Amino acid sequence: MATVNTVLGPVDAGALGFTLSHEHVTVIYGSGLREAFPYLFDWEKTREKATRHLREAKEGGVDTIIDLSTIDLGRDVEMFARVSQDSGVHIVCATGIWRDPPRLFWDADPDWIAEIFVREIREGIGSTGIRAGAIKVANDAEGVTAAAEPVLRAAARAARATGTPISTHHWAPLEVGRRQLEIFKEEGVPAHLVCIGHSADTTELVYLEELLSSGCYLSMDRYPGRPGRPDWRQRNATVKALVERGYAARLMLGHDYGVRPVIRGLPEDPQADAHPTRYLHLSTVAIPALRADGVSEADIRQMTVEVPRRFLTGEQP
């Protein structure tokens, strides 16, 4: 069996189990904020909170999360490793860039950027020795901008060089995934190494089937929904419709959740002590509803166990 890089080292892919496709341990929007203003962040309390949430997730049946935090989302892989050790949840971390490419990257050759991603996959992130198991890129309502395109091309080249899969953030209402796939195709990335994230933010089945026709995966995440976007019932209806059309083998499920860091002077996250943790919405609400609506246990296992395993290992379909 192939292995997958996690924050605690390589893990046999067969041990990944129930896997959430798009999550975060915690998120800081903006690289360097914690380093510039360390007095604002209580990182120990943040770690304790994240551990508590993920320990409860583990007790509720979650075995693995794919954490898609990058440097511009405050990625701290050493903290992730402590949370993984203390919670028992496997955490696959990512290289790449979210929506805020540093100016250093704006005019850089994609090959130069790709070398950075490859280093974090093969040698480790910084001096930690913790190796990334996925590549994250992001394009929101602004589409694929001139500053963002080199990052996508770099991600594609790193994926080709290492066999590491790409998972995207995309603005589904404006069908930005179409352009992401165009670039990946131009760069020669095999479609099975690509997952278009946040795809449940739209209910347009024609668009989603167009993406799937390329051979890529879709992450049906952001459960239970966000204001102005499909709620969890609408997300379930979209998932069910795609399963009925034969696509269960290329769908994954997730929440895009991460605990808010404890920041001095700001109110606490209302979810800080919620029960059950947000990492369990799928397990406790959405998946039971899918079962009740007739989605088979085999298809649910595909989306939560088999597809994430194949995606992370780069297994050919």
C-alpha atoms as a PDB file:
ATOM      1  CA  MET A   1       0.000   0.000   0.000  1.00  0.00           C
ATOM      2  CA  ALA A   2       1.217   3.501  -0.823  1.00  0.00           C
ATOM      3  CA  THR A   3       1.979   6.006   1.923  1.00  0.00           C
ATOM      4  CA  VAL A   4       0.760   9.566   2.422  1.00  0.00           C
ATOM      5  CA  ASN A   5       2.717  12.395   4.057  1.00  0.00           C
ATOM      6  CA  THR A   6       1.134  13.570   7.310  1.00  0.00           C
ATOM      7  CA  VAL A   7       2.421  16.012   9.906  1.00  0.00           C
ATOM      8  CA  LEU A   8       3.612  13.036  11.969  1.00  0.00           C
ATOM      9  CA  GLY A   9       5.326  11.370   9.030  1.00  0.00           C
ATOM     10  CA  PRO A  10       4.324   8.945   6.265  1.00  0.00           C
ATOM     11  CA  VAL A  11       1.196   6.891   6.961  1.00  0.00           C
ATOM     12  CA  ASP A  12       0.010   3.786   5.150  1.00  0.00           C
ATOM     13  CA  ALA A  13      -2.812   5.000   2.923  1.00  0.00           C
ATOM     14  CA  GLY A  14      -5.008   2.166   4.113  1.00  0.00           C
ATOM     15  CA  ALA A  15      -4.924   3.661   7.620  1.00  0.00           C
ATOM     16  CA  LEU A  16      -6.355   7.045   6.600  1.00  0.00           C
ATOM     17  CA  GLY A  17      -9.942   5.882   7.126  1.00  0.00           C
ATOM     18  CA  PHE A  18     -12.781   8.412   7.193  1.00  0.00           C
ATOM     19  CA  THR A  19     -11.260  11.549   5.682  1.00  0.00           C
ATOM     20  CA  LEU A  20     -12.567  15.112   5.461  1.00  0.00           C
ATOM     21  CA  SER A  21     -11.458  16.651   2.189  1.00  0.00           C
ATOM     22  CA  HIS A  22     -11.008  20.351   2.970  1.00  0.00           C
ATOM     23  CA  GLU A  23     -10.403  21.550   6.532  1.00  0.00           C
ATOM     24  CA  HIS A  24      -8.120  23.680   8.684  1.00  0.00           C
ATOM     25  CA  VAL A  25      -6.760  23.218  12.184  1.00  0.00           C
ATOM     26  CA  THR A  26      -6.863  26.988  12.603  1.00  0.00           C
ATOM     27  CA  VAL A  27      -6.648  29.965  10.269  1.00  0.00           C
ATOM     28  CA  ILE A  28      -4.994  33.389  10.428  1.00  0.00           C
ATOM     29  CA  TYR A  29      -5.860  35.480   7.391  1.00  0.00           C
ATOM     30  CA  GLY A  30      -2.554  37.011   6.397  1.00  0.00           C
ATOM     31  CA  SER A  31       0.994  35.717   6.522  1.00  0.00           C
ATOM     32  CA  GLY A  32       3.300  37.138   9.155  1.00  0.00           C
ATOM     33  CA  LEU A  33       0.608  38.542  11.478  1.00  0.00           C
ATOM     34  CA  ARG A  34       1.421  36.202  14.336  1.00  0.00           C
ATOM     35  CA  GLU A  35       5.145  36.873  13.968  1.00  0.00           C
ATOM     36  CA  ALA A  36       4.649  40.658  13.769  1.00  0.00           C
ATOM     37  CA  PHE A  37       2.163  40.903  16.658  1.00  0.00           C
ATOM     38  CA  PRO A  38       2.880  37.888  18.897  1.00  0.00           C
ATOM     39  CA  TYR A  39       1.314  39.576  21.930  1.00  0.00           C
ATOM     40  CA  LEU A  40      -2.109  39.434  20.252  1.00  0.00           C
ATOM     41  CA  PHE A  41      -2.224  35.646  19.908  1.00  0.00           C
ATOM     42  CA  ASP A  42      -2.630  33.092  22.673  1.00  0.00           C
ATOM     43  CA  TRP A  43      -1.234  30.194  20.698  1.00  0.00           C
ATOM     44  CA  GLU A  44      -1.306  27.736  23.582  1.00  0.00           C
ATOM     45  CA  LYS A  45      -5.030  28.233  24.135  1.00  0.00           C
ATOM     46  CA  THR A  46      -5.559  28.020  20.389  1.00  0.00           C
ATOM     47  CA  ARG A  47      -3.720  24.702  20.287  1.00  0.00           C
ATOM     48  CA  GLU A  48      -5.736  23.381  23.226  1.00  0.00           C
ATOM     49  CA  LYS A  49      -8.983  24.398  21.559  1.00  0.00           C
ATOM     50  CA  ALA A  50      -8.023  22.796  18.255  1.00  0.00           C
ATOM     51  CA  THR A  51      -6.988  19.617  20.057  1.00  0.00           C
ATOM     52  CA  ARG A  52     -10.302  19.487  21.888  1.00  0.00           C
ATOM     53  CA  HIS A  53     -12.271  19.846  18.667  1.00  0.00           C
ATOM     54  CA  LEU A  54     -10.265  17.262  16.783  1.00  0.00           C
ATOM     55  CA  ARG A  55     -10.260  14.814  19.695  1.00  0.00           C
ATOM     56  CA  GLU A  56     -14.047  14.983  19.659  1.00  0.00           C
ATOM     57  CA  ALA A  57     -13.986  14.541  15.878  1.00  0.00           C
ATOM     58  CA  LYS A  58     -11.870  11.423  16.310  1.00  0.00           C
ATOM     59  CA  GLU A  59     -14.292  10.065  18.887  1.00  0.00           C
ATOM     60  CA  GLY A  60     -17.063  10.750  16.364  1.00  0.00           C
ATOM     61  CA  GLY A  61     -15.405   8.696  13.638  1.00  0.00           C
ATOM     62  CA  VAL A  62     -13.142  11.171  11.794  1.00  0.00           C
ATOM     63  CA  ASP A  63      -9.741   9.606  11.160  1.00  0.00           C
ATOM     64  CA  THR A  64      -8.024  12.115   8.865  1.00  0.00           C
ATOM     65  CA  ILE A  65      -8.355  15.715   7.748  1.00  0.00           C
ATOM     66  CA  ILE A  66      -6.711  17.338   4.753  1.00  0.00           C
ATOM     67  CA  ASP A  67      -5.597  20.690   6.164  1.00  0.00           C
ATOM     68  CA  LEU A  68      -5.329  23.184   3.312  1.00  0.00           C
ATOM     69  CA  SER A  69      -3.738  26.032   5.251  1.00  0.00           C
ATOM     70  CA  THR A  70      -0.898  27.826   3.463  1.00  0.00           C
ATOM     71  CA  ILE A  71       1.512  30.527   4.568  1.00  0.00           C
ATOM     72  CA  ASP A  72      -1.067  33.250   3.847  1.00  0.00           C
ATOM     73  CA  LEU A  73      -3.510  31.384   6.099  1.00  0.00           C
ATOM     74  CA  GLY A  74      -1.088  31.258   9.033  1.00  0.00           C
ATOM     75  CA  ARG A  75       0.089  27.661   8.539  1.00  0.00           C
ATOM     76  CA  ASP A  76       1.975  26.311  11.575  1.00  0.00           C
ATOM     77  CA  VAL A  77       2.837  22.684  10.907  1.00  0.00           C
ATOM     78  CA  GLU A  78       4.613  22.178  14.220  1.00  0.00           C
ATOM     79  CA  MET A  79       1.430  23.139  16.023  1.00  0.00           C
ATOM     80  CA  PHE A  80      -0.524  20.846  13.684  1.00  0.00           C
ATOM     81  CA  ALA A  81       1.810  18.002  14.647  1.00  0.00           C
ATOM     82  CA  ARG A  82       1.127  18.513  18.359  1.00  0.00           C
ATOM     83  CA  VAL A  83      -2.617  18.626  17.706  1.00  0.00           C
ATOM     84  CA  SER A  84      -2.411  15.460  15.634  1.00  0.00           C
ATOM     85  CA  GLN A  85      -0.421  13.665  18.318  1.00  0.00           C
ATOM     86  CA  ASP A  86      -2.802  14.725  21.080  1.00  0.00           C
ATOM     87  CA  SER A  87      -6.061  14.173  19.190  1.00  0.00           C
ATOM     88  CA  GLY A  88      -5.262  10.984  17.278  1.00  0.00           C
ATOM     89  CA  VAL A  89      -6.406  12.513  13.964  1.00  0.00           C
ATOM     90  CA  HIS A  90      -4.097  12.185  10.960  1.00  0.00           C
ATOM     91  CA  ILE A  91      -3.446  15.632   9.461  1.00  0.00           C
ATOM     92  CA  VAL A  92      -2.233  15.994   5.881  1.00  0.00           C
ATOM     93  CA  CYS A  93      -0.800  19.500   5.435  1.00  0.00           C
ATOM     94  CA  ALA A  94      -0.295  21.521   2.272  1.00  0.00           C
ATOM     95  CA  THR A  95       2.220  23.571   0.392  1.00  0.00           C
ATOM     96  CA  GLY A  96       1.049  26.240  -2.037  1.00  0.00           C
ATOM     97  CA  ILE A  97      -0.555  29.664  -1.762  1.00  0.00           C
ATOM     98  CA  TRP A  98      -4.101  30.794  -0.954  1.00  0.00           C
ATOM     99  CA  ARG A  99      -5.556  34.077  -2.292  1.00  0.00           C
ATOM    100  CA  ASP A 100      -2.655  36.357  -1.313  1.00  0.00           C
ATOM    101  CA  PRO A 101       0.416  35.541  -3.438  1.00  0.00           C
ATOM    102  CA  PRO A 102       3.385  37.497  -2.090  1.00  0.00           C
ATOM    103  CA  ARG A 103       4.642  40.215  -4.412  1.00  0.00           C
ATOM    104  CA  LEU A 104       7.834  38.204  -4.763  1.00  0.00           C
ATOM    105  CA  PHE A 105       5.764  35.669  -6.734  1.00  0.00           C
ATOM    106  CA  TRP A 106       3.865  38.073  -8.988  1.00  0.00           C
ATOM    107  CA  ASP A 107       6.410  38.200 -11.799  1.00  0.00           C
ATOM    108  CA  ALA A 108       8.386  35.094 -10.890  1.00  0.00           C
ATOM    109  CA  ASP A 109       8.928  32.241 -13.294  1.00  0.00           C
ATOM    110  CA  PRO A 110       6.525  29.408 -12.378  1.00  0.00           C
ATOM    111  CA  ASP A 111       9.469  26.994 -12.372  1.00  0.00           C
ATOM    112  CA  TRP A 112      11.086  29.002  -9.565  1.00  0.00           C
ATOM    113  CA  ILE A 113       7.862  28.944  -7.510  1.00  0.00           C
ATOM    114  CA  ALA A 114       7.433  25.243  -8.237  1.00  0.00           C
ATOM    115  CA  GLU A 115      10.857  24.553  -6.714  1.00  0.00           C
ATOM    116  CA  ILE A 116       9.589  25.976  -3.412  1.00  0.00           C
ATOM    117  CA  PHE A 117       6.550  23.706  -3.459  1.00  0.00           C
ATOM    118  CA  VAL A 118       8.632  20.675  -4.422  1.00  0.00           C
ATOM    119  CA  ARG A 119      11.060  21.365  -1.571  1.00  0.00           C
ATOM    120  CA  GLU A 120       8.187  21.427   0.938  1.00  0.00           C
ATOM    121  CA  ILE A 121       6.957  18.100  -0.436  1.00  0.00           C
ATOM    122  CA  ARG A 122      10.281  16.282  -0.675  1.00  0.00           C
ATOM    123  CA  GLU A 123      12.398  17.822   2.096  1.00  0.00           C
ATOM    124  CA  GLY A 124       9.951  19.446   4.478  1.00  0.00           C
ATOM    125  CA  ILE A 125       8.476  22.798   5.467  1.00  0.00           C
ATOM    126  CA  GLY A 126      11.095  25.180   6.800  1.00  0.00           C
ATOM    127  CA  SER A 127      13.384  23.299   9.184  1.00  0.00           C
ATOM    128  CA  THR A 128      10.617  21.063  10.574  1.00  0.00           C
ATOM    129  CA  GLY A 129      11.105  18.039   8.336  1.00  0.00           C
ATOM    130  CA  ILE A 130       7.296  17.878   8.035  1.00  0.00           C
ATOM    131  CA  ARG A 131       6.448  17.183   4.405  1.00  0.00           C
ATOM    132  CA  ALA A 132       3.379  18.445   2.583  1.00  0.00           C
ATOM    133  CA  GLY A 133       0.957  15.876   1.197  1.00  0.00           C
ATOM    134  CA  ALA A 134      -1.089  18.236  -0.981  1.00  0.00           C
ATOM    135  CA  ILE A 135      -0.722  21.459  -2.977  1.00  0.00           C
ATOM    136  CA  LYS A 136      -3.218  24.277  -2.361  1.00  0.00           C
ATOM    137  CA  VAL A 137      -4.107  27.081  -4.785  1.00  0.00           C
ATOM    138  CA  ALA A 138      -6.970  29.567  -4.674  1.00  0.00           C
ATOM    139  CA  ASN A 139      -8.946  31.811  -6.989  1.00  0.00           C
ATOM    140  CA  ASP A 140     -12.050  33.554  -5.744  1.00  0.00           C
ATOM    141  CA  ALA A 141     -14.652  35.860  -7.355  1.00  0.00           C
ATOM    142  CA  GLU A 142     -11.865  37.843  -9.025  1.00  0.00           C
ATOM    143  CA  GLY A 143     -11.017  34.776 -11.103  1.00  0.00           C
ATOM    144  CA  VAL A 144      -7.501  33.760 -12.072  1.00  0.00           C
ATOM    145  CA  THR A 145      -5.641  37.072 -11.924  1.00  0.00           C
ATOM    146  CA  ALA A 146      -2.284  37.856 -13.507  1.00  0.00           C
ATOM    147  CA  ALA A 147      -0.669  37.552 -10.057  1.00  0.00           C
ATOM    148  CA  ALA A 148      -2.343  34.227  -9.347  1.00  0.00           C
ATOM    149  CA  GLU A 149      -1.713  32.483 -12.657  1.00  0.00           C
ATOM    150  CA  PRO A 150       2.009  31.807 -12.056  1.00  0.00           C
ATOM    151  CA  VAL A 151       1.075  30.119  -8.774  1.00  0.00           C
ATOM    152  CA  LEU A 152      -1.359  27.792 -10.549  1.00  0.00           C
ATOM    153  CA  ARG A 153       1.241  26.948 -13.150  1.00  0.00           C
ATOM    154  CA  ALA A 154       3.828  26.364 -10.434  1.00  0.00           C
ATOM    155  CA  ALA A 155       1.433  24.067  -8.573  1.00  0.00           C
ATOM    156  CA  ALA A 156       0.862  22.128 -11.774  1.00  0.00           C
ATOM    157  CA  ARG A 157       4.588  21.690 -12.350  1.00  0.00           C
ATOM    158  CA  ALA A 158       5.149  20.610  -8.745  1.00  0.00           C
ATOM    159  CA  ALA A 159       2.332  18.089  -9.057  1.00  0.00           C
ATOM    160  CA  ARG A 160       3.846  16.650 -12.217  1.00  0.00           C
ATOM    161  CA  ALA A 161       7.303  16.460 -10.620  1.00  0.00           C
ATOM    162  CA  THR A 162       6.198  14.782  -7.398  1.00  0.00           C
ATOM    163  CA  GLY A 163       2.835  13.113  -8.051  1.00  0.00           C
ATOM    164  CA  THR A 164       1.359  15.221  -5.230  1.00  0.00           C
ATOM    165  CA  PRO A 165      -2.277  16.218  -5.769  1.00  0.00           C
ATOM    166  CA  ILE A 166      -3.616  19.765  -6.102  1.00  0.00           C
ATOM    167  CA  SER A 167      -6.668  20.892  -4.136  1.00  0.00           C
ATOM    168  CA  THR A 168      -8.165  24.255  -5.016  1.00  0.00           C
ATOM    169  CA  HIS A 169     -10.253  26.975  -3.474  1.00  0.00           C
ATOM    170  CA  HIS A 170     -12.590  28.272  -6.168  1.00  0.00           C
ATOM    171  CA  TRP A 171     -15.554  30.598  -6.508  1.00  0.00           C
ATOM    172  CA  ALA A 172     -18.207  28.189  -7.739  1.00  0.00           C
ATOM    173  CA  PRO A 173     -21.008  30.749  -8.351  1.00  0.00           C
ATOM    174  CA  LEU A 174     -18.864  32.315 -11.109  1.00  0.00           C
ATOM    175  CA  GLU A 175     -17.563  28.926 -12.315  1.00  0.00           C
ATOM    176  CA  VAL A 176     -13.919  29.835 -11.772  1.00  0.00           C
ATOM    177  CA  GLY A 177     -12.972  26.145 -11.709  1.00  0.00           C
ATOM    178  CA  ARG A 178     -13.259  26.061 -15.473  1.00  0.00           C
ATOM    179  CA  ARG A 179     -10.221  28.347 -15.859  1.00  0.00           C
ATOM    180  CA  GLN A 180      -8.291  26.471 -13.165  1.00  0.00           C
ATOM    181  CA  LEU A 181      -8.756  23.246 -15.105  1.00  0.00           C
ATOM    182  CA  GLU A 182      -7.758  24.928 -18.373  1.00  0.00           C
ATOM    183  CA  ILE A 183      -4.429  25.956 -16.866  1.00  0.00           C
ATOM    184  CA  PHE A 184      -3.795  22.548 -15.336  1.00  0.00           C
ATOM    185  CA  LYS A 185      -4.547  20.925 -18.685  1.00  0.00           C
ATOM    186  CA  GLU A 186      -2.187  23.320 -20.473  1.00  0.00           C
ATOM    187  CA  GLU A 187       0.498  22.336 -17.965  1.00  0.00           C
ATOM    188  CA  GLY A 188      -0.095  18.625 -18.545  1.00  0.00           C
ATOM    189  CA  VAL A 189      -1.339  17.688 -15.070  1.00  0.00           C
ATOM    190  CA  PRO A 190      -3.251  14.396 -15.029  1.00  0.00           C
ATOM    191  CA  ALA A 191      -6.847  15.159 -14.063  1.00  0.00           C
ATOM    192  CA  HIS A 192      -6.831  12.611 -11.238  1.00  0.00           C
ATOM    193  CA  LEU A 193      -4.261  14.788  -9.444  1.00  0.00           C
ATOM    194  CA  VAL A 194      -6.736  17.698  -9.262  1.00  0.00           C
ATOM    195  CA  CYS A 195      -9.605  18.396  -6.879  1.00  0.00           C
ATOM    196  CA  ILE A 196     -11.734  21.513  -7.390  1.00  0.00           C
ATOM    197  CA  GLY A 197     -12.741  22.686  -3.933  1.00  0.00           C
ATOM    198  CA  HIS A 198     -15.848  24.429  -2.597  1.00  0.00           C
ATOM    199  CA  SER A 199     -17.834  22.920  -5.446  1.00  0.00           C
ATOM    200  CA  ALA A 200     -20.938  22.571  -3.265  1.00  0.00           C
ATOM    201  CA  ASP A 201     -21.212  26.373  -3.244  1.00  0.00           C
ATOM    202  CA  THR A 202     -23.206  25.981  -6.462  1.00  0.00           C
ATOM    203  CA  THR A 203     -26.209  23.852  -7.341  1.00  0.00           C
ATOM    204  CA  GLU A 204     -25.573  24.130 -11.107  1.00  0.00           C
ATOM    205  CA  LEU A 205     -25.283  20.489 -12.076  1.00  0.00           C
ATOM    206  CA  VAL A 206     -24.395  21.242 -15.706  1.00  0.00           C
ATOM    207  CA  TYR A 207     -21.305  23.144 -14.555  1.00  0.00           C
ATOM    208  CA  LEU A 208     -20.303  20.490 -12.020  1.00  0.00           C
ATOM    209  CA  GLU A 209     -20.674  17.720 -14.595  1.00  0.00           C
ATOM    210  CA  GLU A 210     -18.531  19.753 -16.978  1.00  0.00           C
ATOM    211  CA  LEU A 211     -15.776  19.815 -14.369  1.00  0.00           C
ATOM    212  CA  LEU A 212     -16.180  16.107 -13.675  1.00  0.00           C
ATOM    213  CA  SER A 213     -16.017  15.305 -17.380  1.00  0.00           C
ATOM    214  CA  SER A 214     -12.346  16.325 -17.262  1.00  0.00           C
ATOM    215  CA  GLY A 215     -11.643  13.422 -14.902  1.00  0.00           C
ATOM    216  CA  CYS A 216     -10.931  15.580 -11.842  1.00  0.00           C
ATOM    217  CA  TYR A 217     -12.323  15.235  -8.315  1.00  0.00           C
ATOM    218  CA  LEU A 218     -14.722  17.648  -6.625  1.00  0.00           C
ATOM    219  CA  SER A 219     -14.630  18.584  -2.949  1.00  0.00           C
ATOM    220  CA  MET A 220     -18.237  19.075  -1.856  1.00  0.00           C
ATOM    221  CA  ASP A 221     -17.463  20.993   1.279  1.00  0.00           C
ATOM    222  CA  ARG A 222     -18.345  24.085   3.315  1.00  0.00           C
ATOM    223  CA  TYR A 223     -21.024  22.161   5.161  1.00  0.00           C
ATOM    224  CA  PRO A 224     -23.337  23.257   6.774  1.00  0.00           C
ATOM    225  CA  GLY A 225     -23.333  26.315   4.476  1.00  0.00           C
ATOM    226  CA  ARG A 226     -22.678  30.015   4.697  1.00  0.00           C
ATOM    227  CA  PRO A 227     -24.936  33.076   4.437  1.00  0.00           C
ATOM    228  CA  GLY A 228     -26.116  33.675   0.889  1.00  0.00           C
ATOM    229  CA  ARG A 229     -24.917  30.256  -0.298  1.00  0.00           C
ATOM    230  CA  PRO A 230     -26.546  26.809  -0.385  1.00  0.00           C
ATOM    231  CA  ASP A 231     -27.442  25.401   3.022  1.00  0.00           C
ATOM    232  CA  TRP A 232     -26.578  21.831   3.977  1.00  0.00           C
ATOM    233  CA  ARG A 233     -29.830  20.442   2.583  1.00  0.00           C
ATOM    234  CA  GLN A 234     -29.147  22.036  -0.807  1.00  0.00           C
ATOM    235  CA  ARG A 235     -25.577  20.745  -0.695  1.00  0.00           C
ATOM    236  CA  ASN A 236     -26.918  17.282   0.051  1.00  0.00           C
ATOM    237  CA  ALA A 237     -29.335  17.536  -2.870  1.00  0.00           C
ATOM    238  CA  THR A 238     -26.449  18.394  -5.198  1.00  0.00           C
ATOM    239  CA  VAL A 239     -24.330  15.537  -3.879  1.00  0.00           C
ATOM    240  CA  LYS A 240     -27.232  13.098  -4.208  1.00  0.00           C
ATOM    241  CA  ALA A 241     -27.916  14.209  -7.791  1.00  0.00           C
ATOM    242  CA  LEU A 242     -24.269  13.691  -8.749  1.00  0.00           C
ATOM    243  CA  VAL A 243     -24.174  10.297  -7.051  1.00  0.00           C
ATOM    244  CA  GLU A 244     -27.281   9.270  -8.976  1.00  0.00           C
ATOM    245  CA  ARG A 245     -25.480  10.282 -12.187  1.00  0.00           C
ATOM    246  CA  GLY A 246     -22.607   7.944 -11.340  1.00  0.00           C
ATOM    247  CA  TYR A 247     -20.017  10.319  -9.877  1.00  0.00           C
ATOM    248  CA  ALA A 248     -19.613   9.018  -6.309  1.00  0.00           C
ATOM    249  CA  ALA A 249     -16.133   7.758  -7.183  1.00  0.00           C
ATOM    250  CA  ARG A 250     -14.969  11.341  -7.783  1.00  0.00           C
ATOM    251  CA  LEU A 251     -16.609  13.232  -4.926  1.00  0.00           C
ATOM    252  CA  MET A 252     -15.225  14.060  -1.467  1.00  0.00           C
ATOM    253  CA  LEU A 253     -16.919  15.725   1.486  1.00  0.00           C
ATOM    254  CA  GLY A 254     -15.761  18.354   3.977  1.00  0.00           C
ATOM    255  CA  HIS A 255     -16.569  21.466   5.987  1.00  0.00           C
ATOM    256  CA  ASP A 256     -13.774  24.001   5.329  1.00  0.00           C
ATOM    257  CA  TYR A 257     -13.754  24.473   9.084  1.00  0.00           C
ATOM    258  CA  GLY A 258     -10.996  25.482  11.455  1.00  0.00           C
ATOM    259  CA  VAL A 259     -11.135  26.843  14.982  1.00  0.00           C
ATOM    260  CA  ARG A 260     -10.559  30.565  15.262  1.00  0.00           C
ATOM    261  CA  PRO A 261      -7.299  31.495  17.003  1.00  0.00           C
ATOM    262  CA  VAL A 262      -7.604  32.989  20.453  1.00  0.00           C
ATOM    263  CA  ILE A 263      -6.785  36.666  19.928  1.00  0.00           C
ATOM    264  CA  ARG A 264      -6.532  39.029  22.861  1.00  0.00           C
ATOM    265  CA  GLY A 265      -9.106  41.811  22.773  1.00  0.00           C
ATOM    266  CA  LEU A 266     -11.465  40.070  20.340  1.00  0.00           C
ATOM    267  CA  PRO A 267     -14.574  38.080  21.289  1.00  0.00           C
ATOM    268  CA  GLU A 268     -14.245  34.323  21.458  1.00  0.00           C
ATOM    269  CA  ASP A 269     -15.447  32.073  18.673  1.00  0.00           C
ATOM    270  CA  PRO A 270     -19.098  31.109  19.449  1.00  0.00           C
ATOM    271  CA  GLN A 271     -18.208  27.604  18.229  1.00  0.00           C
ATOM    272  CA  ALA A 272     -15.364  27.327  20.748  1.00  0.00           C
ATOM    273  CA  ASP A 273     -17.330  25.046  23.067  1.00  0.00           C
ATOM    274  CA  ALA A 274     -20.064  23.897  20.701  1.00  0.00           C
ATOM    275  CA  HIS A 275     -21.185  20.303  20.832  1.00  0.00           C
ATOM    276  CA  PRO A 276     -20.763  18.526  18.588  1.00  0.00           C
ATOM    277  CA  THR A 277     -17.750  20.117  16.989  1.00  0.00           C
ATOM    278  CA  ARG A 278     -18.227  21.554  13.497  1.00  0.00           C
ATOM    279  CA  TYR A 279     -15.933  18.809  12.161  1.00  0.00           C
ATOM    280  CA  LEU A 280     -18.815  16.415  12.881  1.00  0.00           C
ATOM    281  CA  HIS A 281     -21.651  18.123  11.001  1.00  0.00           C
ATOM    282  CA  LEU A 282     -21.305  15.716   8.108  1.00  0.00           C
ATOM    283  CA  SER A 283     -21.164  12.655  10.357  1.00  0.00           C
ATOM    284  CA  THR A 284     -24.017  13.662  12.640  1.00  0.00           C
ATOM    285  CA  VAL A 285     -26.383  15.524  10.291  1.00  0.00           C
ATOM    286  CA  ALA A 286     -25.627  15.535   6.563  1.00  0.00           C
ATOM    287  CA  ILE A 287     -24.531  11.939   5.988  1.00  0.00           C
ATOM    288  CA  PRO A 288     -27.441  10.440   7.989  1.00  0.00           C
ATOM    289  CA  ALA A 289     -29.736  12.590   5.831  1.00  0.00           C
ATOM    290  CA  LEU A 290     -28.055  11.293   2.661  1.00  0.00           C
ATOM    291  CA  ARG A 291     -28.665   7.744   3.884  1.00  0.00           C
ATOM    292  CA  ALA A 292     -32.294   8.549   4.582  1.00  0.00           C
ATOM    293  CA  ASP A 293     -32.592   9.946   1.038  1.00  0.00           C
ATOM    294  CA  GLY A 294     -31.353   6.680  -0.423  1.00  0.00           C
ATOM    295  CA  VAL A 295     -27.618   7.227  -0.939  1.00  0.00           C
ATOM    296  CA  SER A 296     -26.055   3.815  -0.380  1.00  0.00           C
ATOM    297  CA  GLU A 297     -23.514   2.939   2.279  1.00  0.00           C
ATOM    298  CA  ALA A 298     -21.135   1.931  -0.523  1.00  0.00           C
ATOM    299  CA  ASP A 299     -21.368   5.390  -2.110  1.00  0.00           C
ATOM    300  CA  ILE A 300     -20.902   7.121   1.237  1.00  0.00           C
ATOM    301  CA  ARG A 301     -17.793   5.036   1.875  1.00  0.00           C
ATOM    302  CA  GLN A 302     -16.529   5.942  -1.589  1.00  0.00           C
ATOM    303  CA  MET A 303     -16.806   9.664  -0.858  1.00  0.00           C
ATOM    304  CA  THR A 304     -15.391   9.567   2.676  1.00  0.00           C
ATOM    305  CA  VAL A 305     -12.762   6.801   2.553  1.00  0.00           C
ATOM    306  CA  GLU A 306     -11.881   5.474  -0.881  1.00  0.00           C
ATOM    307  CA  VAL A 307     -11.846   8.679  -2.933  1.00  0.00           C
ATOM    308  CA  PRO A 308      -9.671  10.683  -0.489  1.00  0.00           C
ATOM    309  CA  ARG A 309      -7.253   7.761  -0.302  1.00  0.00           C
ATOM    310  CA  ARG A 310      -6.979   7.528  -4.098  1.00  0.00           C
ATOM    311  CA  PHE A 311      -6.660  11.297  -4.429  1.00  0.00           C
ATOM    312  CA  LEU A 312      -3.882  11.606  -1.841  1.00  0.00           C
ATOM    313  CA  THR A 313      -1.884   8.694  -3.236  1.00  0.00           C
ATOM    314  CA  GLY A 314      -2.274   9.776  -6.859  1.00  0.00           C
ATOM    315  CA  GLU A 315      -3.730   6.395  -7.705  1.00  0.00           C
ATOM    316  CA  GLN A 316      -4.779   6.081 -11.318  1.00  0.00           C
ATOM    317  CA  PRO A 317      -8.552   5.752 -11.726  1.00  0.00           C
END
